[in-house]
Amino acid sequence: MYLLAFIGACVLVAMAPGVSTAVILRQTLRSGRGSGVAATLGNETGILLWGLAAAFGLSALVVASQLAYDVMRVTGAVVLVVMGAQALWQARKPLPVTAVEGDAVAGRRGAYLAGLGTCLANPKAAVFAMSFLPQFVPAGQDVPITLVTLAVVWVAVDVLWYLVLIWAVAQAKAWLGRPSVKRRLEQISGVVLIGLGVRMAVESR
């Protein structure tokens, strides 16, 4: 029963729009389904690492240390602002007509790193892992093993949700891929990312 409750909570968490959603959708709109999936895998690698850290008590250091928290918060804010500025700059440039296979591979690698870096530089992810996962550990269970299992389930639910979003965006590719629409979406995503970065920079715990 606790596992079903946990899955339901994970679905609600995944559906709540945030930094990860903005980054994944931007990569999908910018470079297609492959980049969106790569960004998702990067983000979920970060989620899994935070889940493992929660299981073994490492993320407690971030929760306990104001300095560590602030360093991660500022780093995450800078990452988001830079990505937003890049999106705004990209919107000013002519859109490429085609992409060679090497460029696609490099783009997916960059999308993966964008997803991973954004997640790891977000102290809220560490705090959330520390406060969210332990609530669903039944009494008498091995805590580290149960937390690792819950982290894997959390990642699986996240991946399924983001794949649905990526599929939905891909279905609207004919309209979203028009140069004028794509340019405007770059502008919107740039503003959103910068806004999220500024909010992360100024907010406290």
N, C-alpha and C. Protein backbone atom coordinates (compact mmCIF):
# COMPACT_ATOMS: atom_id res chain seq x y z
N MET A 1 0.82 -1.21 0.00
CA MET A 1 0.00 0.00 0.00
C MET A 1 0.86 1.27 0.00
N TYR A 2 1.94 1.23 0.81
CA TYR A 2 2.81 2.41 0.87
C TYR A 2 3.44 2.70 -0.49
N LEU A 3 3.71 1.63 -1.26
CA LEU A 3 4.32 1.83 -2.57
C LEU A 3 3.34 2.51 -3.52
N LEU A 4 2.06 2.12 -3.48
CA LEU A 4 1.06 2.77 -4.32
C LEU A 4 0.91 4.25 -3.95
N ALA A 5 0.92 4.51 -2.65
CA ALA A 5 0.83 5.91 -2.20
C ALA A 5 2.04 6.69 -2.67
N PHE A 6 3.21 6.06 -2.64
CA PHE A 6 4.43 6.73 -3.08
C PHE A 6 4.38 7.02 -4.58
N ILE A 7 3.92 6.05 -5.37
CA ILE A 7 3.81 6.25 -6.81
C ILE A 7 2.85 7.39 -7.13
N GLY A 8 1.73 7.42 -6.42
CA GLY A 8 0.78 8.52 -6.62
C GLY A 8 1.40 9.86 -6.30
N ALA A 9 2.16 9.92 -5.21
CA ALA A 9 2.83 11.17 -4.85
C ALA A 9 3.85 11.55 -5.91
N CYS A 10 4.58 10.57 -6.45
CA CYS A 10 5.58 10.84 -7.49
C CYS A 10 4.92 11.40 -8.75
N VAL A 11 3.75 10.87 -9.09
CA VAL A 11 3.03 11.37 -10.27
C VAL A 11 2.67 12.84 -10.08
N LEU A 12 2.17 13.18 -8.90
CA LEU A 12 1.80 14.58 -8.63
C LEU A 12 3.03 15.49 -8.67
N VAL A 13 4.13 15.01 -8.12
CA VAL A 13 5.37 15.79 -8.13
C VAL A 13 5.87 15.99 -9.56
N ALA A 14 5.83 14.93 -10.35
CA ALA A 14 6.31 15.02 -11.73
C ALA A 14 5.46 15.99 -12.55
N MET A 15 4.17 16.01 -12.30
CA MET A 15 3.26 16.85 -13.08
C MET A 15 3.39 18.33 -12.72
N ALA A 16 3.94 18.62 -11.55
CA ALA A 16 4.10 20.03 -11.16
C ALA A 16 5.22 20.65 -12.00
N PRO A 17 4.92 21.71 -12.78
CA PRO A 17 5.96 22.31 -13.63
C PRO A 17 7.04 22.96 -12.79
N GLY A 18 8.26 22.85 -13.26
CA GLY A 18 9.39 23.43 -12.55
C GLY A 18 10.59 23.56 -13.45
N VAL A 19 11.76 23.65 -12.84
CA VAL A 19 13.00 23.84 -13.59
C VAL A 19 13.23 22.69 -14.57
N SER A 20 13.07 21.45 -14.10
CA SER A 20 13.33 20.29 -14.96
C SER A 20 12.41 20.29 -16.17
N THR A 21 11.14 20.58 -15.96
CA THR A 21 10.19 20.62 -17.07
C THR A 21 10.60 21.67 -18.09
N ALA A 22 11.01 22.84 -17.63
CA ALA A 22 11.40 23.92 -18.53
C ALA A 22 12.61 23.51 -19.37
N VAL A 23 13.60 22.89 -18.73
CA VAL A 23 14.82 22.49 -19.44
C VAL A 23 14.52 21.40 -20.46
N ILE A 24 13.74 20.40 -20.07
CA ILE A 24 13.44 19.28 -20.97
C ILE A 24 12.61 19.74 -22.16
N LEU A 25 11.60 20.56 -21.92
CA LEU A 25 10.77 21.04 -23.02
C LEU A 25 11.58 21.95 -23.95
N ARG A 26 12.46 22.75 -23.40
CA ARG A 26 13.28 23.61 -24.26
C ARG A 26 14.16 22.76 -25.18
N GLN A 27 14.79 21.73 -24.62
CA GLN A 27 15.65 20.87 -25.44
C GLN A 27 14.82 20.16 -26.52
N THR A 28 13.62 19.75 -26.17
CA THR A 28 12.76 19.08 -27.14
C THR A 28 12.36 20.03 -28.26
N LEU A 29 11.94 21.23 -27.91
CA LEU A 29 11.52 22.21 -28.90
C LEU A 29 12.69 22.66 -29.76
N ARG A 30 13.85 22.73 -29.16
CA ARG A 30 15.01 23.23 -29.88
C ARG A 30 15.60 22.21 -30.84
N SER A 31 15.73 20.95 -30.36
CA SER A 31 16.49 19.97 -31.16
C SER A 31 15.75 18.66 -31.39
N GLY A 32 14.51 18.56 -30.97
CA GLY A 32 13.75 17.36 -31.27
C GLY A 32 13.65 16.37 -30.12
N ARG A 33 12.98 15.26 -30.43
CA ARG A 33 12.65 14.27 -29.41
C ARG A 33 13.90 13.68 -28.77
N GLY A 34 14.93 13.42 -29.56
CA GLY A 34 16.15 12.81 -29.02
C GLY A 34 16.80 13.66 -27.96
N SER A 35 16.86 14.96 -28.19
CA SER A 35 17.45 15.86 -27.20
C SER A 35 16.58 15.95 -25.95
N GLY A 36 15.27 15.90 -26.13
CA GLY A 36 14.38 15.91 -24.98
C GLY A 36 14.57 14.68 -24.12
N VAL A 37 14.70 13.52 -24.77
CA VAL A 37 14.94 12.28 -24.02
C VAL A 37 16.29 12.34 -23.32
N ALA A 38 17.31 12.88 -24.01
CA ALA A 38 18.63 12.99 -23.40
C ALA A 38 18.60 13.89 -22.17
N ALA A 39 17.89 15.02 -22.27
CA ALA A 39 17.76 15.91 -21.12
C ALA A 39 17.03 15.23 -19.98
N THR A 40 16.02 14.44 -20.31
CA THR A 40 15.28 13.68 -19.29
C THR A 40 16.20 12.70 -18.58
N LEU A 41 17.00 11.97 -19.35
CA LEU A 41 17.92 11.00 -18.75
C LEU A 41 18.95 11.70 -17.87
N GLY A 42 19.41 12.87 -18.30
CA GLY A 42 20.34 13.63 -17.48
C GLY A 42 19.70 14.07 -16.18
N ASN A 43 18.49 14.58 -16.28
CA ASN A 43 17.77 15.02 -15.08
C ASN A 43 17.53 13.85 -14.13
N GLU A 44 17.15 12.71 -14.68
CA GLU A 44 16.84 11.57 -13.82
C GLU A 44 18.10 10.95 -13.24
N THR A 45 19.23 11.09 -13.92
CA THR A 45 20.51 10.68 -13.32
C THR A 45 20.76 11.51 -12.07
N GLY A 46 20.50 12.82 -12.18
CA GLY A 46 20.65 13.68 -11.01
C GLY A 46 19.69 13.32 -9.90
N ILE A 47 18.42 13.04 -10.26
CA ILE A 47 17.43 12.64 -9.26
C ILE A 47 17.87 11.36 -8.55
N LEU A 48 18.38 10.40 -9.33
CA LEU A 48 18.83 9.14 -8.73
C LEU A 48 20.00 9.38 -7.79
N LEU A 49 20.92 10.25 -8.19
CA LEU A 49 22.07 10.54 -7.33
C LEU A 49 21.62 11.21 -6.03
N TRP A 50 20.65 12.12 -6.12
CA TRP A 50 20.13 12.74 -4.90
C TRP A 50 19.41 11.72 -4.04
N GLY A 51 18.69 10.79 -4.69
CA GLY A 51 18.01 9.75 -3.93
C GLY A 51 19.00 8.84 -3.20
N LEU A 52 20.10 8.49 -3.89
CA LEU A 52 21.14 7.68 -3.26
C LEU A 52 21.80 8.45 -2.12
N ALA A 53 22.00 9.75 -2.35
CA ALA A 53 22.59 10.58 -1.30
C ALA A 53 21.69 10.62 -0.07
N ALA A 54 20.38 10.71 -0.31
CA ALA A 54 19.44 10.69 0.81
C ALA A 54 19.50 9.35 1.55
N ALA A 55 19.64 8.27 0.78
CA ALA A 55 19.69 6.94 1.38
C ALA A 55 20.89 6.77 2.30
N PHE A 56 21.99 7.39 1.94
CA PHE A 56 23.22 7.22 2.71
C PHE A 56 23.60 8.46 3.52
N GLY A 57 22.64 9.39 3.62
CA GLY A 57 22.83 10.53 4.51
C GLY A 57 23.67 11.66 3.97
N LEU A 58 24.11 11.59 2.70
CA LEU A 58 25.00 12.63 2.18
C LEU A 58 24.28 13.94 1.94
N SER A 59 23.03 13.87 1.47
CA SER A 59 22.32 15.11 1.19
C SER A 59 21.97 15.85 2.49
N ALA A 60 22.08 15.16 3.63
CA ALA A 60 21.87 15.84 4.91
C ALA A 60 22.90 16.94 5.12
N LEU A 61 24.07 16.77 4.50
CA LEU A 61 25.11 17.80 4.61
C LEU A 61 24.65 19.10 3.97
N VAL A 62 23.96 18.98 2.83
CA VAL A 62 23.44 20.17 2.16
C VAL A 62 22.34 20.81 3.00
N VAL A 63 21.50 19.97 3.58
CA VAL A 63 20.41 20.48 4.41
C VAL A 63 20.96 21.19 5.65
N ALA A 64 22.02 20.61 6.24
CA ALA A 64 22.56 21.14 7.49
C ALA A 64 23.45 22.35 7.29
N SER A 65 24.15 22.41 6.18
CA SER A 65 25.13 23.47 5.95
C SER A 65 24.52 24.60 5.13
N GLN A 66 24.42 25.78 5.72
CA GLN A 66 23.90 26.94 5.00
C GLN A 66 24.83 27.33 3.87
N LEU A 67 26.14 27.23 4.09
CA LEU A 67 27.11 27.59 3.06
C LEU A 67 26.98 26.68 1.84
N ALA A 68 26.90 25.35 2.08
CA ALA A 68 26.76 24.41 0.97
C ALA A 68 25.47 24.67 0.21
N TYR A 69 24.42 24.93 0.97
CA TYR A 69 23.13 25.21 0.35
C TYR A 69 23.20 26.46 -0.52
N ASP A 70 23.80 27.52 0.01
CA ASP A 70 23.88 28.78 -0.73
C ASP A 70 24.76 28.65 -1.97
N VAL A 71 25.86 27.91 -1.86
CA VAL A 71 26.74 27.71 -3.02
C VAL A 71 25.98 27.00 -4.13
N MET A 72 25.25 25.95 -3.78
CA MET A 72 24.48 25.22 -4.79
C MET A 72 23.37 26.08 -5.36
N ARG A 73 22.73 26.86 -4.49
CA ARG A 73 21.63 27.72 -4.94
C ARG A 73 22.13 28.75 -5.95
N VAL A 74 23.23 29.39 -5.66
CA VAL A 74 23.78 30.40 -6.57
C VAL A 74 24.27 29.75 -7.86
N THR A 75 24.92 28.58 -7.73
CA THR A 75 25.39 27.87 -8.92
C THR A 75 24.23 27.48 -9.82
N GLY A 76 23.18 26.95 -9.22
CA GLY A 76 22.00 26.57 -10.00
C GLY A 76 21.37 27.77 -10.67
N ALA A 77 21.34 28.91 -9.95
CA ALA A 77 20.76 30.12 -10.53
C ALA A 77 21.57 30.59 -11.73
N VAL A 78 22.89 30.54 -11.60
CA VAL A 78 23.75 30.96 -12.72
C VAL A 78 23.54 30.06 -13.92
N VAL A 79 23.44 28.75 -13.68
CA VAL A 79 23.22 27.80 -14.78
C VAL A 79 21.93 28.13 -15.52
N LEU A 80 20.87 28.39 -14.78
CA LEU A 80 19.58 28.69 -15.41
C LEU A 80 19.61 30.00 -16.17
N VAL A 81 20.23 31.02 -15.59
CA VAL A 81 20.30 32.32 -16.27
C VAL A 81 21.12 32.21 -17.55
N VAL A 82 22.23 31.47 -17.50
CA VAL A 82 23.06 31.28 -18.70
C VAL A 82 22.27 30.55 -19.78
N MET A 83 21.54 29.50 -19.39
CA MET A 83 20.74 28.76 -20.36
C MET A 83 19.65 29.65 -20.94
N GLY A 84 19.04 30.49 -20.10
CA GLY A 84 18.03 31.41 -20.59
C GLY A 84 18.60 32.43 -21.55
N ALA A 85 19.77 32.96 -21.24
CA ALA A 85 20.43 33.92 -22.12
C ALA A 85 20.79 33.27 -23.45
N GLN A 86 21.24 32.02 -23.40
CA GLN A 86 21.55 31.29 -24.63
C GLN A 86 20.30 31.10 -25.48
N ALA A 87 19.16 30.83 -24.82
CA ALA A 87 17.92 30.66 -25.57
C ALA A 87 17.52 31.97 -26.25
N LEU A 88 17.65 33.08 -25.55
CA LEU A 88 17.31 34.38 -26.15
C LEU A 88 18.25 34.71 -27.30
N TRP A 89 19.52 34.38 -27.13
CA TRP A 89 20.48 34.62 -28.21
C TRP A 89 20.19 33.72 -29.40
N GLN A 90 19.83 32.46 -29.11
CA GLN A 90 19.52 31.51 -30.18
C GLN A 90 18.31 32.00 -30.98
N ALA A 91 17.37 32.63 -30.32
CA ALA A 91 16.17 33.12 -30.99
C ALA A 91 16.49 34.23 -31.99
N ARG A 92 17.62 34.90 -31.81
CA ARG A 92 18.02 35.98 -32.71
C ARG A 92 18.73 35.48 -33.96
N LYS A 93 19.22 34.22 -33.91
CA LYS A 93 20.02 33.67 -35.00
C LYS A 93 19.12 32.94 -35.99
N PRO A 94 19.53 32.86 -37.26
CA PRO A 94 18.77 32.07 -38.23
C PRO A 94 18.75 30.60 -37.82
N LEU A 95 17.61 29.95 -37.97
CA LEU A 95 17.51 28.54 -37.61
C LEU A 95 18.21 27.68 -38.64
N PRO A 96 19.00 26.66 -38.20
CA PRO A 96 19.66 25.77 -39.16
C PRO A 96 18.64 24.92 -39.91
N VAL A 97 18.95 24.68 -41.18
CA VAL A 97 18.03 23.90 -42.02
C VAL A 97 18.18 22.42 -41.76
N THR A 98 19.42 21.95 -41.63
CA THR A 98 19.67 20.54 -41.41
C THR A 98 20.75 20.38 -40.36
N ALA A 99 20.87 19.18 -39.87
CA ALA A 99 21.91 18.87 -38.90
C ALA A 99 22.52 17.52 -39.25
N VAL A 100 23.84 17.44 -39.22
CA VAL A 100 24.52 16.19 -39.51
C VAL A 100 24.48 15.31 -38.28
N GLU A 101 24.80 14.02 -38.47
CA GLU A 101 24.68 13.07 -37.37
C GLU A 101 25.59 13.44 -36.20
N GLY A 102 26.82 13.89 -36.49
CA GLY A 102 27.73 14.28 -35.42
C GLY A 102 27.19 15.41 -34.60
N ASP A 103 26.56 16.38 -35.27
CA ASP A 103 25.96 17.50 -34.54
C ASP A 103 24.82 17.00 -33.64
N ALA A 104 24.05 16.04 -34.14
CA ALA A 104 22.94 15.51 -33.34
C ALA A 104 23.45 14.81 -32.09
N VAL A 105 24.53 14.03 -32.25
CA VAL A 105 25.11 13.33 -31.10
C VAL A 105 25.63 14.33 -30.08
N ALA A 106 26.34 15.35 -30.58
CA ALA A 106 26.86 16.38 -29.68
C ALA A 106 25.72 17.13 -28.99
N GLY A 107 24.64 17.39 -29.75
CA GLY A 107 23.49 18.07 -29.17
C GLY A 107 22.85 17.26 -28.07
N ARG A 108 22.75 15.96 -28.25
CA ARG A 108 22.15 15.11 -27.23
C ARG A 108 23.05 15.01 -26.01
N ARG A 109 24.35 15.00 -26.23
CA ARG A 109 25.28 14.99 -25.10
C ARG A 109 25.13 16.28 -24.30
N GLY A 110 25.02 17.39 -25.02
CA GLY A 110 24.82 18.67 -24.34
C GLY A 110 23.49 18.72 -23.60
N ALA A 111 22.45 18.14 -24.20
CA ALA A 111 21.14 18.11 -23.56
C ALA A 111 21.18 17.26 -22.29
N TYR A 112 21.88 16.13 -22.35
CA TYR A 112 22.03 15.27 -21.16
C TYR A 112 22.73 16.03 -20.05
N LEU A 113 23.83 16.69 -20.39
CA LEU A 113 24.59 17.44 -19.37
C LEU A 113 23.77 18.60 -18.82
N ALA A 114 22.94 19.23 -19.68
CA ALA A 114 22.08 20.32 -19.21
C ALA A 114 21.09 19.80 -18.17
N GLY A 115 20.47 18.66 -18.46
CA GLY A 115 19.54 18.07 -17.51
C GLY A 115 20.22 17.65 -16.22
N LEU A 116 21.39 17.02 -16.34
CA LEU A 116 22.13 16.56 -15.16
C LEU A 116 22.61 17.74 -14.32
N GLY A 117 23.22 18.73 -14.98
CA GLY A 117 23.77 19.87 -14.25
C GLY A 117 22.70 20.67 -13.55
N THR A 118 21.56 20.86 -14.22
CA THR A 118 20.47 21.63 -13.61
C THR A 118 19.96 20.93 -12.36
N CYS A 119 19.81 19.62 -12.41
CA CYS A 119 19.31 18.87 -11.26
C CYS A 119 20.31 18.87 -10.11
N LEU A 120 21.58 18.61 -10.41
CA LEU A 120 22.59 18.52 -9.35
C LEU A 120 22.85 19.87 -8.71
N ALA A 121 22.66 20.96 -9.47
CA ALA A 121 22.92 22.30 -8.93
C ALA A 121 21.69 22.89 -8.25
N ASN A 122 20.64 22.10 -8.11
CA ASN A 122 19.41 22.58 -7.47
C ASN A 122 19.34 22.06 -6.04
N PRO A 123 19.61 22.91 -5.04
CA PRO A 123 19.59 22.43 -3.65
C PRO A 123 18.21 21.98 -3.21
N LYS A 124 17.16 22.51 -3.87
CA LYS A 124 15.81 22.09 -3.52
C LYS A 124 15.62 20.59 -3.77
N ALA A 125 16.34 20.06 -4.79
CA ALA A 125 16.25 18.62 -5.07
C ALA A 125 16.81 17.82 -3.90
N ALA A 126 17.92 18.30 -3.31
CA ALA A 126 18.50 17.61 -2.16
C ALA A 126 17.57 17.66 -0.97
N VAL A 127 17.02 18.85 -0.69
CA VAL A 127 16.11 18.99 0.44
C VAL A 127 14.86 18.14 0.23
N PHE A 128 14.37 18.14 -1.00
CA PHE A 128 13.17 17.38 -1.30
C PHE A 128 13.41 15.89 -1.13
N ALA A 129 14.58 15.41 -1.59
CA ALA A 129 14.90 13.99 -1.44
C ALA A 129 14.97 13.60 0.03
N MET A 130 15.55 14.48 0.85
CA MET A 130 15.68 14.20 2.28
C MET A 130 14.33 14.19 2.98
N SER A 131 13.41 15.05 2.54
CA SER A 131 12.13 15.16 3.24
C SER A 131 11.04 14.28 2.63
N PHE A 132 11.14 13.99 1.33
CA PHE A 132 10.09 13.28 0.62
C PHE A 132 10.22 11.76 0.77
N LEU A 133 11.40 11.24 0.46
CA LEU A 133 11.57 9.78 0.45
C LEU A 133 11.36 9.13 1.82
N PRO A 134 11.94 9.67 2.90
CA PRO A 134 11.80 8.96 4.19
C PRO A 134 10.36 8.82 4.68
N GLN A 135 9.46 9.67 4.19
CA GLN A 135 8.06 9.58 4.64
C GLN A 135 7.41 8.26 4.24
N PHE A 136 7.96 7.60 3.23
CA PHE A 136 7.33 6.39 2.69
C PHE A 136 8.09 5.12 3.06
N VAL A 137 8.97 5.22 4.05
CA VAL A 137 9.68 4.03 4.53
C VAL A 137 8.86 3.39 5.65
N PRO A 138 8.34 2.18 5.44
CA PRO A 138 7.53 1.53 6.48
C PRO A 138 8.37 1.19 7.72
N ALA A 139 7.73 1.18 8.84
CA ALA A 139 8.43 0.83 10.08
C ALA A 139 8.96 -0.60 9.98
N GLY A 140 10.19 -0.77 10.44
CA GLY A 140 10.80 -2.09 10.46
C GLY A 140 11.56 -2.47 9.21
N GLN A 141 11.48 -1.64 8.15
CA GLN A 141 12.17 -1.93 6.90
C GLN A 141 13.61 -1.43 6.97
N ASP A 142 14.49 -2.07 6.19
CA ASP A 142 15.87 -1.59 6.08
C ASP A 142 15.85 -0.23 5.40
N VAL A 143 16.23 0.81 6.10
CA VAL A 143 16.06 2.17 5.60
C VAL A 143 16.87 2.45 4.33
N PRO A 144 18.20 2.20 4.31
CA PRO A 144 18.94 2.50 3.08
C PRO A 144 18.43 1.77 1.85
N ILE A 145 18.15 0.46 1.99
CA ILE A 145 17.68 -0.32 0.84
C ILE A 145 16.32 0.19 0.38
N THR A 146 15.43 0.49 1.32
CA THR A 146 14.10 0.99 0.96
C THR A 146 14.21 2.35 0.27
N LEU A 147 15.08 3.22 0.77
CA LEU A 147 15.24 4.54 0.15
C LEU A 147 15.79 4.43 -1.27
N VAL A 148 16.73 3.52 -1.48
CA VAL A 148 17.26 3.31 -2.84
C VAL A 148 16.15 2.80 -3.76
N THR A 149 15.34 1.87 -3.27
CA THR A 149 14.22 1.35 -4.07
C THR A 149 13.24 2.46 -4.42
N LEU A 150 12.92 3.30 -3.44
CA LEU A 150 12.00 4.42 -3.68
C LEU A 150 12.59 5.40 -4.68
N ALA A 151 13.89 5.63 -4.60
CA ALA A 151 14.54 6.55 -5.55
C ALA A 151 14.42 6.02 -6.98
N VAL A 152 14.59 4.71 -7.15
CA VAL A 152 14.47 4.11 -8.48
C VAL A 152 13.04 4.23 -8.99
N VAL A 153 12.06 4.01 -8.11
CA VAL A 153 10.65 4.16 -8.51
C VAL A 153 10.37 5.61 -8.88
N TRP A 154 10.88 6.55 -8.10
CA TRP A 154 10.72 7.98 -8.38
C TRP A 154 11.25 8.32 -9.77
N VAL A 155 12.43 7.81 -10.09
CA VAL A 155 13.02 8.05 -11.40
C VAL A 155 12.16 7.45 -12.50
N ALA A 156 11.66 6.24 -12.30
CA ALA A 156 10.84 5.57 -13.31
C ALA A 156 9.57 6.37 -13.60
N VAL A 157 8.91 6.86 -12.55
CA VAL A 157 7.69 7.65 -12.74
C VAL A 157 8.01 8.95 -13.47
N ASP A 158 9.11 9.60 -13.08
CA ASP A 158 9.53 10.83 -13.74
C ASP A 158 9.76 10.61 -15.24
N VAL A 159 10.50 9.54 -15.55
CA VAL A 159 10.82 9.26 -16.96
C VAL A 159 9.55 9.05 -17.77
N LEU A 160 8.61 8.27 -17.24
CA LEU A 160 7.36 8.03 -17.96
C LEU A 160 6.60 9.33 -18.21
N TRP A 161 6.54 10.18 -17.21
CA TRP A 161 5.82 11.45 -17.37
C TRP A 161 6.48 12.34 -18.42
N TYR A 162 7.80 12.45 -18.35
CA TYR A 162 8.48 13.32 -19.31
C TYR A 162 8.43 12.76 -20.72
N LEU A 163 8.42 11.43 -20.85
CA LEU A 163 8.28 10.84 -22.18
C LEU A 163 6.92 11.18 -22.77
N VAL A 164 5.88 11.22 -21.92
CA VAL A 164 4.55 11.63 -22.40
C VAL A 164 4.59 13.08 -22.89
N LEU A 165 5.24 13.96 -22.13
CA LEU A 165 5.36 15.36 -22.56
C LEU A 165 6.12 15.48 -23.87
N ILE A 166 7.22 14.75 -23.97
CA ILE A 166 8.03 14.81 -25.19
C ILE A 166 7.23 14.29 -26.37
N TRP A 167 6.47 13.22 -26.16
CA TRP A 167 5.63 12.66 -27.24
C TRP A 167 4.60 13.70 -27.67
N ALA A 168 3.99 14.40 -26.70
CA ALA A 168 2.96 15.40 -27.03
C ALA A 168 3.57 16.53 -27.86
N VAL A 169 4.75 16.96 -27.48
CA VAL A 169 5.42 18.02 -28.24
C VAL A 169 5.76 17.53 -29.64
N ALA A 170 6.21 16.28 -29.75
CA ALA A 170 6.55 15.71 -31.06
C ALA A 170 5.33 15.62 -31.96
N GLN A 171 4.17 15.34 -31.37
CA GLN A 171 2.94 15.25 -32.17
C GLN A 171 2.58 16.60 -32.79
N ALA A 172 2.97 17.67 -32.11
CA ALA A 172 2.68 19.01 -32.63
C ALA A 172 3.87 19.58 -33.39
N LYS A 173 4.76 18.70 -33.83
CA LYS A 173 6.01 19.14 -34.46
C LYS A 173 5.78 20.00 -35.69
N ALA A 174 4.78 19.65 -36.50
CA ALA A 174 4.54 20.40 -37.73
C ALA A 174 4.29 21.88 -37.45
N TRP A 175 3.54 22.16 -36.40
CA TRP A 175 3.25 23.56 -36.06
C TRP A 175 4.38 24.18 -35.25
N LEU A 176 4.89 23.42 -34.26
CA LEU A 176 5.94 23.95 -33.40
C LEU A 176 7.26 24.12 -34.14
N GLY A 177 7.43 23.37 -35.24
CA GLY A 177 8.68 23.45 -35.98
C GLY A 177 8.76 24.62 -36.95
N ARG A 178 7.68 25.37 -37.11
CA ARG A 178 7.71 26.54 -37.99
C ARG A 178 8.70 27.56 -37.43
N PRO A 179 9.54 28.16 -38.31
CA PRO A 179 10.59 29.06 -37.82
C PRO A 179 10.09 30.16 -36.90
N SER A 180 8.98 30.80 -37.26
CA SER A 180 8.48 31.90 -36.42
C SER A 180 8.03 31.40 -35.06
N VAL A 181 7.35 30.23 -35.03
CA VAL A 181 6.89 29.67 -33.77
C VAL A 181 8.07 29.21 -32.92
N LYS A 182 9.04 28.55 -33.57
CA LYS A 182 10.20 28.03 -32.86
C LYS A 182 11.00 29.17 -32.24
N ARG A 183 11.12 30.27 -32.98
CA ARG A 183 11.85 31.44 -32.47
C ARG A 183 11.12 32.04 -31.27
N ARG A 184 9.82 32.13 -31.35
CA ARG A 184 9.06 32.68 -30.24
C ARG A 184 9.14 31.77 -29.00
N LEU A 185 9.10 30.46 -29.22
CA LEU A 185 9.22 29.53 -28.11
C LEU A 185 10.59 29.62 -27.45
N GLU A 186 11.64 29.84 -28.25
CA GLU A 186 12.98 30.06 -27.69
C GLU A 186 12.97 31.29 -26.79
N GLN A 187 12.30 32.35 -27.26
CA GLN A 187 12.24 33.57 -26.47
C GLN A 187 11.50 33.33 -25.15
N ILE A 188 10.38 32.63 -25.23
CA ILE A 188 9.60 32.35 -24.03
C ILE A 188 10.39 31.49 -23.06
N SER A 189 11.03 30.43 -23.58
CA SER A 189 11.80 29.55 -22.70
C SER A 189 12.97 30.29 -22.09
N GLY A 190 13.58 31.21 -22.85
CA GLY A 190 14.68 32.00 -22.31
C GLY A 190 14.23 32.85 -21.14
N VAL A 191 13.10 33.52 -21.31
CA VAL A 191 12.57 34.37 -20.24
C VAL A 191 12.20 33.52 -19.01
N VAL A 192 11.59 32.36 -19.25
CA VAL A 192 11.19 31.48 -18.15
C VAL A 192 12.42 30.99 -17.38
N LEU A 193 13.46 30.56 -18.10
CA LEU A 193 14.66 30.06 -17.45
C LEU A 193 15.35 31.15 -16.64
N ILE A 194 15.44 32.34 -17.21
CA ILE A 194 16.05 33.45 -16.48
C ILE A 194 15.22 33.77 -15.23
N GLY A 195 13.90 33.78 -15.38
CA GLY A 195 13.03 34.03 -14.23
C GLY A 195 13.21 32.99 -13.14
N LEU A 196 13.31 31.71 -13.53
CA LEU A 196 13.53 30.65 -12.55
C LEU A 196 14.89 30.80 -11.87
N GLY A 197 15.90 31.22 -12.67
CA GLY A 197 17.22 31.43 -12.10
C GLY A 197 17.24 32.56 -11.10
N VAL A 198 16.58 33.65 -11.42
CA VAL A 198 16.51 34.79 -10.50
C VAL A 198 15.78 34.40 -9.22
N ARG A 199 14.68 33.65 -9.38
CA ARG A 199 13.93 33.22 -8.21
C ARG A 199 14.78 32.32 -7.33
N MET A 200 15.53 31.41 -7.93
CA MET A 200 16.38 30.53 -7.16
C MET A 200 17.47 31.31 -6.43
N ALA A 201 17.97 32.39 -7.08
CA ALA A 201 19.05 33.16 -6.48
C ALA A 201 18.60 33.94 -5.26
N VAL A 202 17.36 34.41 -5.27
CA VAL A 202 16.90 35.31 -4.20
C VAL A 202 16.13 34.59 -3.10
N GLU A 203 15.65 33.37 -3.37
CA GLU A 203 14.83 32.70 -2.36
C GLU A 203 15.71 32.05 -1.32
N SER A 204 15.17 31.92 -0.13
CA SER A 204 15.88 31.25 0.95
C SER A 204 15.36 29.82 1.04
N ARG A 205 15.77 29.11 2.10
CA ARG A 205 15.33 27.72 2.26
C ARG A 205 13.82 27.64 2.33
